[in-house]
Every structure is written in structure tokens, then in C-alpha cells.
């Protein structure tokens, strides 16, 4: 972007920002040209397999249907006119999350509200959590109960949390998108772009010390890096000042239990960062 914006363009952009604020969208992203470990949106779409279950995605090629988004680095004077987030200035994370949830409302911002979702699955857990797990999207059980990770994959996640010496109520759990896609298909690009700003606001309210992304779709969307799981795992990423690690989605571990040992290595990495004692027994 040029050093000085045309005043008319600046006013138009400011009006667009206000428009998105009114929709509840406060974080903005742009798609980068193709580069090393990054992909254009066209390369990020799987056209020949539109319905793929989470457990089938972990060892796929770097192509993913969710947007590969990069936070916009905009001129300061452009966005100073934008309305602040409703929870800005709210110190208590409980109250901040309540404001975000109220702002989300009975969301109709994307097509998913017309495609069979029963309810919004916002997130659950300790608003003061040091550890946050982020998955991909609600499934059928989650859509029914209104809470993330309550089905078979959720039971395994509970075992993973217990193996870490924690309780489910000690941590916070959320997903990239908050409505179940029909048939548990991969979230579409625009669905991720529309919904993920609310997740970013949840993260900002909770301020976890560590985030663990569950699965390739969550990792690619959060980090804006198009890469296989082998390149995500075993390392730390800086995510808005928070350390982020990536491990397998519990649904994938149900399909391939042999990878539980690898997932346990990822969890141990998070435990060391959190200062937790590492027990000899891993994930079962």
C-alpha cells in the first residue's frame, strides 16, 4: 500500500471497515501471492473431494479448503477511524467472552445457518485458562449439545487432557468455525473468514499461555501456512504473542491409534512450556 492514501479511497475503506464492524467482524485478512510454504486461494481448495472427515485430513497434501489467510498490516491512520471491539477495555475475561458471545448472536453471517445447523457452538472452559485447544468445526454431537468435543473425539480429547494432569474445566476449547458444516465437510474459505474473527476475539479475551491446534485445518487457518502435518508438529509458532503448537486431531487418532504416541510428544512439549510435570503414562 502506498505511503499516502488518496483521501477518497481512505474514506471508502473506512466506511467498509465500519460496515464489517457492524457485522461483528473486527479482524481483517488478505491473501498473499504464492510463496514458499504459502499458497494462493486457488491452490488451497480441494475440488475433487468436497466432503472429507476430520480424521481423513491429517496426512493429506498441503492443499486445504480453508482459507490461507495472512493478517493485514495496514496503515495506522486508516484504521484509527474504525470502531473498537465491543469488549475493548473489559479486563475480566468472563465478561469479555460474554460480550463476544452477545455480539455473535444467533449468527446468520454465512450460509451455514441455512444448511442444517441446530445451534452455535461457541466454546467452553476456563476463561482464565493457560492452555487452549482449537479444533476445526463442530460435528453432529457438538451441534446437538452446543459444546465442542463431546462425541467420541471429545472423549479422547478428555483422555489427552487427563494424561497431562489437567481437567477439562482447567482449559478452554473452541473451533475455527462455530456451526456444523453439512456432512462434516471441510469448512469453506468464506466460512472461515467470516467466523474466525470471533475466535480471535475469544483468544484475545482469554490470553492463554499456550494454544494447541488440533489438526491440519486448524493449524493452516491459524498460522496461514500451507504445509503438511510433518512440518507443523514438533515446533513452536508465535501466534499473536502466544506460543502455538500443533498436534493430530483426536478424530484422526481414533482412526489411527498408532499416532497417539506422536500426539503425546506434542502434548509433552506443551506441558514443559506450562511447567507441568510429565507422567510416565501417555495417552490411551
C-alpha atoms as a PDB file:
ATOM      1  CA  UNK A   1       0.000   0.000   0.000  1.00  0.00           C
ATOM      2  CA  UNK A   2       1.368   3.427  -0.836  1.00  0.00           C
ATOM      3  CA  UNK A   3       2.729   5.700   1.851  1.00  0.00           C
ATOM      4  CA  UNK A   4      -0.108   8.231   1.376  1.00  0.00           C
ATOM      5  CA  UNK A   5      -3.658   7.153   0.620  1.00  0.00           C
ATOM      6  CA  UNK A   6      -5.939   9.106  -1.659  1.00  0.00           C
ATOM      7  CA  UNK A   7      -8.490  10.811   0.664  1.00  0.00           C
ATOM      8  CA  UNK A   8     -11.451   9.446  -1.293  1.00  0.00           C
ATOM      9  CA  UNK A   9     -10.057   5.904  -1.143  1.00  0.00           C
ATOM     10  CA  UNK A  10      -9.322   6.330   2.548  1.00  0.00           C
ATOM     11  CA  UNK A  11     -12.944   7.357   3.231  1.00  0.00           C
ATOM     12  CA  UNK A  12     -14.239   4.417   1.218  1.00  0.00           C
ATOM     13  CA  UNK A  13     -12.029   1.985   3.119  1.00  0.00           C
ATOM     14  CA  UNK A  14     -13.079   3.489   6.441  1.00  0.00           C
ATOM     15  CA  UNK A  15     -16.737   3.045   5.507  1.00  0.00           C
ATOM     16  CA  UNK A  16     -16.082  -0.577   4.580  1.00  0.00           C
ATOM     17  CA  UNK A  17     -14.384  -1.160   7.945  1.00  0.00           C
ATOM     18  CA  UNK A  18     -17.402   0.302   9.747  1.00  0.00           C
ATOM     19  CA  UNK A  19     -19.690  -1.941   7.702  1.00  0.00           C
ATOM     20  CA  UNK A  20     -17.778  -5.056   8.749  1.00  0.00           C
ATOM     21  CA  UNK A  21     -17.708  -3.868  12.373  1.00  0.00           C
ATOM     22  CA  UNK A  22     -21.498  -3.729  12.295  1.00  0.00           C
ATOM     23  CA  UNK A  23     -21.468  -7.363  11.153  1.00  0.00           C
ATOM     24  CA  UNK A  24     -19.300  -8.238  14.143  1.00  0.00           C
ATOM     25  CA  UNK A  25     -16.075  -8.618  12.138  1.00  0.00           C
ATOM     26  CA  UNK A  26     -13.097  -6.759  13.543  1.00  0.00           C
ATOM     27  CA  UNK A  27     -10.039  -8.644  12.276  1.00  0.00           C
ATOM     28  CA  UNK A  28      -9.094  -8.363   8.621  1.00  0.00           C
ATOM     29  CA  UNK A  29      -7.034 -10.659   6.420  1.00  0.00           C
ATOM     30  CA  UNK A  30      -5.575 -10.636   2.971  1.00  0.00           C
ATOM     31  CA  UNK A  31      -4.459 -13.455   0.697  1.00  0.00           C
ATOM     32  CA  UNK A  32      -0.778 -13.388  -0.195  1.00  0.00           C
ATOM     33  CA  UNK A  33       0.667 -14.312  -3.614  1.00  0.00           C
ATOM     34  CA  UNK A  34       2.111 -17.819  -3.870  1.00  0.00           C
ATOM     35  CA  UNK A  35       5.415 -18.148  -1.998  1.00  0.00           C
ATOM     36  CA  UNK A  36       7.405 -20.731  -0.093  1.00  0.00           C
ATOM     37  CA  UNK A  37       5.111 -22.562   2.341  1.00  0.00           C
ATOM     38  CA  UNK A  38       2.222 -20.285   1.346  1.00  0.00           C
ATOM     39  CA  UNK A  39      -0.479 -20.870  -1.250  1.00  0.00           C
ATOM     40  CA  UNK A  40      -2.920 -18.908  -3.298  1.00  0.00           C
ATOM     41  CA  UNK A  41      -6.553 -19.479  -2.542  1.00  0.00           C
ATOM     42  CA  UNK A  42      -6.949 -21.408  -5.777  1.00  0.00           C
ATOM     43  CA  UNK A  43      -4.233 -23.812  -4.628  1.00  0.00           C
ATOM     44  CA  UNK A  44      -5.852 -24.054  -1.217  1.00  0.00           C
ATOM     45  CA  UNK A  45      -9.060 -25.659  -2.487  1.00  0.00           C
ATOM     46  CA  UNK A  46      -9.681 -29.350  -2.971  1.00  0.00           C
ATOM     47  CA  UNK A  47     -12.118 -29.611  -5.847  1.00  0.00           C
ATOM     48  CA  UNK A  48     -12.290 -33.352  -6.238  1.00  0.00           C
ATOM     49  CA  UNK A  49     -13.191 -34.310  -2.656  1.00  0.00           C
ATOM     50  CA  UNK A  50     -15.586 -31.795  -1.140  1.00  0.00           C
ATOM     51  CA  UNK A  51     -16.679 -33.928   1.841  1.00  0.00           C
ATOM     52  CA  UNK A  52     -13.731 -35.080   3.924  1.00  0.00           C
ATOM     53  CA  UNK A  53     -13.986 -36.123   7.541  1.00  0.00           C
ATOM     54  CA  UNK A  54     -11.525 -34.579  10.046  1.00  0.00           C
ATOM     55  CA  UNK A  55      -9.812 -37.905  10.684  1.00  0.00           C
ATOM     56  CA  UNK A  56      -9.058 -38.243   6.974  1.00  0.00           C
ATOM     57  CA  UNK A  57      -7.338 -34.880   6.633  1.00  0.00           C
ATOM     58  CA  UNK A  58      -4.239 -35.103   8.796  1.00  0.00           C
ATOM     59  CA  UNK A  59      -1.883 -36.729   6.334  1.00  0.00           C
ATOM     60  CA  UNK A  60      -3.206 -35.107   3.194  1.00  0.00           C
ATOM     61  CA  UNK A  61      -1.122 -32.964   0.898  1.00  0.00           C
ATOM     62  CA  UNK A  62      -0.705 -29.318   1.883  1.00  0.00           C
ATOM     63  CA  UNK A  63      -3.856 -28.387  -0.034  1.00  0.00           C
ATOM     64  CA  UNK A  64      -6.693 -27.446   2.311  1.00  0.00           C
ATOM     65  CA  UNK A  65     -10.091 -25.976   1.720  1.00  0.00           C
ATOM     66  CA  UNK A  66      -9.928 -23.395   4.490  1.00  0.00           C
ATOM     67  CA  UNK A  67      -8.512 -20.009   3.631  1.00  0.00           C
ATOM     68  CA  UNK A  68      -4.805 -19.483   3.899  1.00  0.00           C
ATOM     69  CA  UNK A  69      -5.101 -16.029   5.409  1.00  0.00           C
ATOM     70  CA  UNK A  70      -2.417 -13.566   6.417  1.00  0.00           C
ATOM     71  CA  UNK A  71      -3.185 -10.755   8.882  1.00  0.00           C
ATOM     72  CA  UNK A  72      -3.298  -7.413   7.130  1.00  0.00           C
ATOM     73  CA  UNK A  73      -0.589  -4.965   8.135  1.00  0.00           C
ATOM     74  CA  UNK A  74      -2.393  -1.718   7.435  1.00  0.00           C
ATOM     75  CA  UNK A  75      -1.501   1.917   7.832  1.00  0.00           C
ATOM     76  CA  UNK A  76      -2.209   3.149  11.316  1.00  0.00           C
ATOM     77  CA  UNK A  77      -4.150   6.184  10.186  1.00  0.00           C
ATOM     78  CA  UNK A  78      -6.512   4.058   8.074  1.00  0.00           C
ATOM     79  CA  UNK A  79      -7.988   2.021  10.918  1.00  0.00           C
ATOM     80  CA  UNK A  80      -7.924   4.604  13.688  1.00  0.00           C
ATOM     81  CA  UNK A  81     -11.384   5.611  12.427  1.00  0.00           C
ATOM     82  CA  UNK A  82     -12.732   2.073  12.859  1.00  0.00           C
ATOM     83  CA  UNK A  83     -14.952   1.304  15.820  1.00  0.00           C
ATOM     84  CA  UNK A  84     -13.189  -0.585  18.622  1.00  0.00           C
ATOM     85  CA  UNK A  85     -14.295  -4.096  19.507  1.00  0.00           C
ATOM     86  CA  UNK A  86     -17.215  -4.079  21.967  1.00  0.00           C
ATOM     87  CA  UNK A  87     -15.125  -5.871  24.606  1.00  0.00           C
ATOM     88  CA  UNK A  88     -12.234  -3.405  24.343  1.00  0.00           C
ATOM     89  CA  UNK A  89     -11.352  -2.173  27.813  1.00  0.00           C
ATOM     90  CA  UNK A  90     -13.080  -5.096  29.537  1.00  0.00           C
ATOM     91  CA  UNK A  91     -10.461  -6.619  31.835  1.00  0.00           C
ATOM     92  CA  UNK A  92     -12.460  -9.577  33.169  1.00  0.00           C
ATOM     93  CA  UNK A  93     -12.210 -12.431  30.604  1.00  0.00           C
ATOM     94  CA  UNK A  94     -15.575 -13.824  31.729  1.00  0.00           C
ATOM     95  CA  UNK A  95     -17.284 -10.567  30.882  1.00  0.00           C
ATOM     96  CA  UNK A  96     -15.230 -10.133  27.688  1.00  0.00           C
ATOM     97  CA  UNK A  97     -16.289 -13.570  26.430  1.00  0.00           C
ATOM     98  CA  UNK A  98     -19.888 -12.757  27.298  1.00  0.00           C
ATOM     99  CA  UNK A  99     -19.667  -9.595  25.188  1.00  0.00           C
ATOM    100  CA  UNK A 100     -18.192 -11.557  22.257  1.00  0.00           C
ATOM    101  CA  UNK A 101     -20.953 -14.159  22.536  1.00  0.00           C
ATOM    102  CA  UNK A 102     -23.637 -11.494  22.635  1.00  0.00           C
ATOM    103  CA  UNK A 103     -22.090  -9.803  19.621  1.00  0.00           C
ATOM    104  CA  UNK A 104     -22.093 -13.113  17.745  1.00  0.00           C
ATOM    105  CA  UNK A 105     -25.786 -13.533  18.497  1.00  0.00           C
ATOM    106  CA  UNK A 106     -27.822 -16.082  16.542  1.00  0.00           C
ATOM    107  CA  UNK A 107     -25.308 -15.736  13.740  1.00  0.00           C
ATOM    108  CA  UNK A 108     -26.529 -15.640  10.141  1.00  0.00           C
ATOM    109  CA  UNK A 109     -23.337 -14.182   8.642  1.00  0.00           C
ATOM    110  CA  UNK A 110     -22.560 -17.184   6.429  1.00  0.00           C
ATOM    111  CA  UNK A 111     -24.539 -19.895   4.665  1.00  0.00           C
ATOM    112  CA  UNK A 112     -24.193 -22.478   7.443  1.00  0.00           C
ATOM    113  CA  UNK A 113     -27.206 -21.147   9.339  1.00  0.00           C
ATOM    114  CA  UNK A 114     -29.289 -22.288   6.350  1.00  0.00           C
ATOM    115  CA  UNK A 115     -27.613 -25.683   5.981  1.00  0.00           C
ATOM    116  CA  UNK A 116     -28.945 -27.604   8.937  1.00  0.00           C
ATOM    117  CA  UNK A 117     -27.014 -26.329  11.926  1.00  0.00           C
ATOM    118  CA  UNK A 118     -29.020 -26.685  15.113  1.00  0.00           C
ATOM    119  CA  UNK A 119     -27.109 -24.198  17.228  1.00  0.00           C
ATOM    120  CA  UNK A 120     -23.913 -22.193  17.544  1.00  0.00           C
ATOM    121  CA  UNK A 121     -21.066 -23.951  19.350  1.00  0.00           C
ATOM    122  CA  UNK A 122     -19.209 -21.027  20.895  1.00  0.00           C
ATOM    123  CA  UNK A 123     -16.605 -22.589  23.153  1.00  0.00           C
ATOM    124  CA  UNK A 124     -16.305 -23.934  26.662  1.00  0.00           C
ATOM    125  CA  UNK A 125     -13.891 -23.945  29.565  1.00  0.00           C
ATOM    126  CA  UNK A 126     -11.956 -21.719  31.910  1.00  0.00           C
ATOM    127  CA  UNK A 127     -11.869 -18.063  30.776  1.00  0.00           C
ATOM    128  CA  UNK A 128      -8.559 -17.752  32.656  1.00  0.00           C
ATOM    129  CA  UNK A 129      -7.054 -20.876  31.086  1.00  0.00           C
ATOM    130  CA  UNK A 130      -3.341 -21.012  30.333  1.00  0.00           C
ATOM    131  CA  UNK A 131      -3.986 -23.728  27.733  1.00  0.00           C
ATOM    132  CA  UNK A 132      -6.422 -23.522  24.831  1.00  0.00           C
ATOM    133  CA  UNK A 133      -7.289 -26.285  22.353  1.00  0.00           C
ATOM    134  CA  UNK A 134      -8.638 -25.223  18.966  1.00  0.00           C
ATOM    135  CA  UNK A 135     -10.246 -27.709  16.592  1.00  0.00           C
ATOM    136  CA  UNK A 136     -11.831 -27.405  13.172  1.00  0.00           C
ATOM    137  CA  UNK A 137     -15.635 -27.368  13.391  1.00  0.00           C
ATOM    138  CA  UNK A 138     -18.480 -28.876  15.405  1.00  0.00           C
ATOM    139  CA  UNK A 139     -19.699 -32.343  14.499  1.00  0.00           C
ATOM    140  CA  UNK A 140     -23.148 -33.872  14.947  1.00  0.00           C
ATOM    141  CA  UNK A 141     -22.836 -34.425  18.715  1.00  0.00           C
ATOM    142  CA  UNK A 142     -21.458 -30.943  19.237  1.00  0.00           C
ATOM    143  CA  UNK A 143     -24.231 -29.419  17.137  1.00  0.00           C
ATOM    144  CA  UNK A 144     -26.766 -31.291  19.240  1.00  0.00           C
ATOM    145  CA  UNK A 145     -25.316 -30.373  22.629  1.00  0.00           C
ATOM    146  CA  UNK A 146     -23.885 -26.929  21.855  1.00  0.00           C
ATOM    147  CA  UNK A 147     -20.441 -27.754  23.244  1.00  0.00           C
ATOM    148  CA  UNK A 148     -17.216 -28.535  21.362  1.00  0.00           C
ATOM    149  CA  UNK A 149     -15.642 -32.005  21.502  1.00  0.00           C
ATOM    150  CA  UNK A 150     -18.363 -34.022  23.223  1.00  0.00           C
ATOM    151  CA  UNK A 151     -18.524 -37.020  20.854  1.00  0.00           C
ATOM    152  CA  UNK A 152     -16.030 -39.870  20.519  1.00  0.00           C
ATOM    153  CA  UNK A 153     -13.273 -37.461  19.535  1.00  0.00           C
ATOM    154  CA  UNK A 154     -14.175 -35.363  22.562  1.00  0.00           C
ATOM    155  CA  UNK A 155     -13.850 -38.369  24.856  1.00  0.00           C
ATOM    156  CA  UNK A 156     -10.361 -38.959  23.528  1.00  0.00           C
ATOM    157  CA  UNK A 157      -9.515 -35.271  23.979  1.00  0.00           C
ATOM    158  CA  UNK A 158     -10.659 -35.591  27.588  1.00  0.00           C
ATOM    159  CA  UNK A 159      -8.219 -38.505  27.999  1.00  0.00           C
ATOM    160  CA  UNK A 160      -5.458 -36.399  26.459  1.00  0.00           C
ATOM    161  CA  UNK A 161      -6.189 -33.589  28.903  1.00  0.00           C
ATOM    162  CA  UNK A 162      -6.264 -36.034  31.817  1.00  0.00           C
ATOM    163  CA  UNK A 163      -2.922 -37.510  30.735  1.00  0.00           C
ATOM    164  CA  UNK A 164      -1.489 -34.007  31.005  1.00  0.00           C
ATOM    165  CA  UNK A 165      -2.563 -33.873  34.636  1.00  0.00           C
ATOM    166  CA  UNK A 166      -5.352 -31.392  33.900  1.00  0.00           C
ATOM    167  CA  UNK A 167      -9.127 -31.379  33.906  1.00  0.00           C
ATOM    168  CA  UNK A 168     -11.372 -30.304  31.057  1.00  0.00           C
ATOM    169  CA  UNK A 169     -12.597 -27.397  33.174  1.00  0.00           C
ATOM    170  CA  UNK A 170      -8.996 -26.165  33.554  1.00  0.00           C
ATOM    171  CA  UNK A 171      -8.583 -25.391  29.866  1.00  0.00           C
ATOM    172  CA  UNK A 172     -10.590 -23.687  27.112  1.00  0.00           C
ATOM    173  CA  UNK A 173     -11.822 -25.454  23.958  1.00  0.00           C
ATOM    174  CA  UNK A 174     -13.078 -23.851  20.757  1.00  0.00           C
ATOM    175  CA  UNK A 175     -13.162 -24.384  16.986  1.00  0.00           C
ATOM    176  CA  UNK A 176     -12.218 -22.391  13.910  1.00  0.00           C
ATOM    177  CA  UNK A 177     -15.892 -22.138  12.960  1.00  0.00           C
ATOM    178  CA  UNK A 178     -18.867 -22.335  15.285  1.00  0.00           C
ATOM    179  CA  UNK A 179     -21.503 -24.066  13.156  1.00  0.00           C
ATOM    180  CA  UNK A 180     -21.501 -27.623  11.874  1.00  0.00           C
ATOM    181  CA  UNK A 181     -20.892 -27.862   8.119  1.00  0.00           C
ATOM    182  CA  UNK A 182     -23.331 -30.273   6.449  1.00  0.00           C
ATOM    183  CA  UNK A 183     -21.987 -33.799   6.391  1.00  0.00           C
ATOM    184  CA  UNK A 184     -18.965 -32.649   8.422  1.00  0.00           C
ATOM    185  CA  UNK A 185     -17.410 -31.344   5.224  1.00  0.00           C
ATOM    186  CA  UNK A 186     -14.339 -29.154   5.278  1.00  0.00           C
ATOM    187  CA  UNK A 187     -15.199 -25.525   6.099  1.00  0.00           C
ATOM    188  CA  UNK A 188     -15.301 -23.281   3.067  1.00  0.00           C
ATOM    189  CA  UNK A 189     -12.963 -20.323   2.704  1.00  0.00           C
ATOM    190  CA  UNK A 190     -15.620 -17.671   3.267  1.00  0.00           C
ATOM    191  CA  UNK A 191     -16.994 -19.547   6.287  1.00  0.00           C
ATOM    192  CA  UNK A 192     -13.563 -19.487   7.918  1.00  0.00           C
ATOM    193  CA  UNK A 193     -13.025 -15.835   7.056  1.00  0.00           C
ATOM    194  CA  UNK A 194     -16.417 -14.867   8.455  1.00  0.00           C
ATOM    195  CA  UNK A 195     -16.247 -16.883  11.666  1.00  0.00           C
ATOM    196  CA  UNK A 196     -12.582 -16.865  12.684  1.00  0.00           C
ATOM    197  CA  UNK A 197     -12.574 -13.191  13.805  1.00  0.00           C
ATOM    198  CA  UNK A 198     -14.818 -14.213  16.700  1.00  0.00           C
ATOM    199  CA  UNK A 199     -12.303 -16.928  17.622  1.00  0.00           C
ATOM    200  CA  UNK A 200      -9.527 -14.309  17.553  1.00  0.00           C
ATOM    201  CA  UNK A 201     -11.551 -12.217  19.967  1.00  0.00           C
ATOM    202  CA  UNK A 202     -12.001 -15.229  22.249  1.00  0.00           C
ATOM    203  CA  UNK A 203      -8.248 -15.805  22.236  1.00  0.00           C
ATOM    204  CA  UNK A 204      -7.617 -12.132  22.973  1.00  0.00           C
ATOM    205  CA  UNK A 205     -10.035 -12.281  25.920  1.00  0.00           C
ATOM    206  CA  UNK A 206      -8.579 -15.489  27.406  1.00  0.00           C
ATOM    207  CA  UNK A 207      -4.913 -14.683  26.719  1.00  0.00           C
ATOM    208  CA  UNK A 208      -3.735 -18.314  27.019  1.00  0.00           C
ATOM    209  CA  UNK A 209      -0.073 -19.049  27.538  1.00  0.00           C
ATOM    210  CA  UNK A 210      -0.210 -21.963  25.078  1.00  0.00           C
ATOM    211  CA  UNK A 211      -2.523 -22.812  22.176  1.00  0.00           C
ATOM    212  CA  UNK A 212      -2.667 -26.332  20.739  1.00  0.00           C
ATOM    213  CA  UNK A 213      -4.151 -26.529  17.256  1.00  0.00           C
ATOM    214  CA  UNK A 214      -5.887 -29.866  16.714  1.00  0.00           C
ATOM    215  CA  UNK A 215      -5.377 -30.989  13.134  1.00  0.00           C
ATOM    216  CA  UNK A 216      -4.135 -29.584   9.863  1.00  0.00           C
ATOM    217  CA  UNK A 217      -7.169 -27.417   9.069  1.00  0.00           C
ATOM    218  CA  UNK A 218      -6.952 -25.561  12.393  1.00  0.00           C
ATOM    219  CA  UNK A 219      -3.187 -25.154  12.026  1.00  0.00           C
ATOM    220  CA  UNK A 220      -3.338 -23.866   8.451  1.00  0.00           C
ATOM    221  CA  UNK A 221      -6.110 -21.410   9.202  1.00  0.00           C
ATOM    222  CA  UNK A 222      -4.498 -20.010  12.346  1.00  0.00           C
ATOM    223  CA  UNK A 223      -0.950 -19.839  11.030  1.00  0.00           C
ATOM    224  CA  UNK A 224      -1.660 -19.008   7.387  1.00  0.00           C
ATOM    225  CA  UNK A 225       0.894 -21.626   6.370  1.00  0.00           C
ATOM    226  CA  UNK A 226       0.087 -24.290   3.811  1.00  0.00           C
ATOM    227  CA  UNK A 227       2.147 -27.288   4.908  1.00  0.00           C
ATOM    228  CA  UNK A 228       1.752 -30.976   5.834  1.00  0.00           C
ATOM    229  CA  UNK A 229       1.418 -32.058   9.445  1.00  0.00           C
ATOM    230  CA  UNK A 230       5.028 -33.226   9.475  1.00  0.00           C
ATOM    231  CA  UNK A 231       6.131 -29.592   9.115  1.00  0.00           C
ATOM    232  CA  UNK A 232       3.749 -28.291  11.752  1.00  0.00           C
ATOM    233  CA  UNK A 233       4.494 -30.747  14.526  1.00  0.00           C
ATOM    234  CA  UNK A 234       7.387 -30.650  16.956  1.00  0.00           C
ATOM    235  CA  UNK A 235       7.963 -26.890  16.879  1.00  0.00           C
ATOM    236  CA  UNK A 236       6.620 -23.703  18.360  1.00  0.00           C
ATOM    237  CA  UNK A 237       4.919 -20.958  16.383  1.00  0.00           C
ATOM    238  CA  UNK A 238       4.388 -17.418  17.546  1.00  0.00           C
ATOM    239  CA  UNK A 239       0.699 -16.573  17.272  1.00  0.00           C
ATOM    240  CA  UNK A 240      -0.079 -13.002  18.283  1.00  0.00           C
ATOM    241  CA  UNK A 241       2.382 -13.225  21.150  1.00  0.00           C
ATOM    242  CA  UNK A 242       1.158 -16.667  22.262  1.00  0.00           C
ATOM    243  CA  UNK A 243       3.049 -19.908  21.725  1.00  0.00           C
ATOM    244  CA  UNK A 244       1.189 -22.292  19.445  1.00  0.00           C
ATOM    245  CA  UNK A 245       1.854 -25.991  18.892  1.00  0.00           C
ATOM    246  CA  UNK A 246       0.140 -28.409  16.510  1.00  0.00           C
ATOM    247  CA  UNK A 247      -0.906 -31.990  17.060  1.00  0.00           C
ATOM    248  CA  UNK A 248      -3.225 -34.523  15.459  1.00  0.00           C
ATOM    249  CA  UNK A 249      -6.977 -34.103  15.630  1.00  0.00           C
ATOM    250  CA  UNK A 250      -8.478 -36.632  18.101  1.00  0.00           C
ATOM    251  CA  UNK A 251     -10.740 -37.942  15.309  1.00  0.00           C
ATOM    252  CA  UNK A 252      -7.627 -38.851  13.323  1.00  0.00           C
ATOM    253  CA  UNK A 253      -6.176 -40.615  16.372  1.00  0.00           C
ATOM    254  CA  UNK A 254      -9.334 -42.707  16.620  1.00  0.00           C
ATOM    255  CA  UNK A 255      -8.758 -43.768  13.033  1.00  0.00           C
ATOM    256  CA  UNK A 256      -5.040 -44.406  13.525  1.00  0.00           C
ATOM    257  CA  UNK A 257      -4.312 -45.117  17.228  1.00  0.00           C
ATOM    258  CA  UNK A 258      -0.637 -45.728  16.383  1.00  0.00           C
ATOM    259  CA  UNK A 259      -0.185 -41.958  16.214  1.00  0.00           C
ATOM    260  CA  UNK A 260      -1.179 -41.473  19.867  1.00  0.00           C
ATOM    261  CA  UNK A 261       2.486 -41.745  20.868  1.00  0.00           C
ATOM    262  CA  UNK A 262       3.313 -38.925  18.480  1.00  0.00           C
ATOM    263  CA  UNK A 263       0.459 -36.818  19.828  1.00  0.00           C
ATOM    264  CA  UNK A 264       1.737 -37.456  23.354  1.00  0.00           C
ATOM    265  CA  UNK A 265       5.105 -35.982  22.327  1.00  0.00           C
ATOM    266  CA  UNK A 266       3.310 -32.832  21.197  1.00  0.00           C
ATOM    267  CA  UNK A 267       1.391 -32.601  24.446  1.00  0.00           C
ATOM    268  CA  UNK A 268       4.578 -33.058  26.451  1.00  0.00           C
ATOM    269  CA  UNK A 269       6.050 -30.085  24.614  1.00  0.00           C
ATOM    270  CA  UNK A 270       3.066 -28.013  25.749  1.00  0.00           C
ATOM    271  CA  UNK A 271       3.367 -29.347  29.281  1.00  0.00           C
ATOM    272  CA  UNK A 272       7.000 -28.271  29.534  1.00  0.00           C
ATOM    273  CA  UNK A 273       6.066 -24.784  28.431  1.00  0.00           C
ATOM    274  CA  UNK A 274       3.311 -24.703  31.067  1.00  0.00           C
ATOM    275  CA  UNK A 275       5.615 -26.052  33.778  1.00  0.00           C
ATOM    276  CA  UNK A 276       3.596 -29.230  34.258  1.00  0.00           C
ATOM    277  CA  UNK A 277       5.098 -32.489  35.496  1.00  0.00           C
ATOM    278  CA  UNK A 278       5.242 -35.141  32.793  1.00  0.00           C
ATOM    279  CA  UNK A 279       3.876 -38.537  33.926  1.00  0.00           C
ATOM    280  CA  UNK A 280       5.287 -41.768  32.577  1.00  0.00           C
ATOM    281  CA  UNK A 281       1.897 -42.853  31.234  1.00  0.00           C
ATOM    282  CA  UNK A 282       0.761 -41.279  27.979  1.00  0.00           C
ATOM    283  CA  UNK A 283      -2.499 -41.036  26.052  1.00  0.00           C
ATOM    284  CA  UNK A 284      -4.628 -44.170  25.955  1.00  0.00           C
END
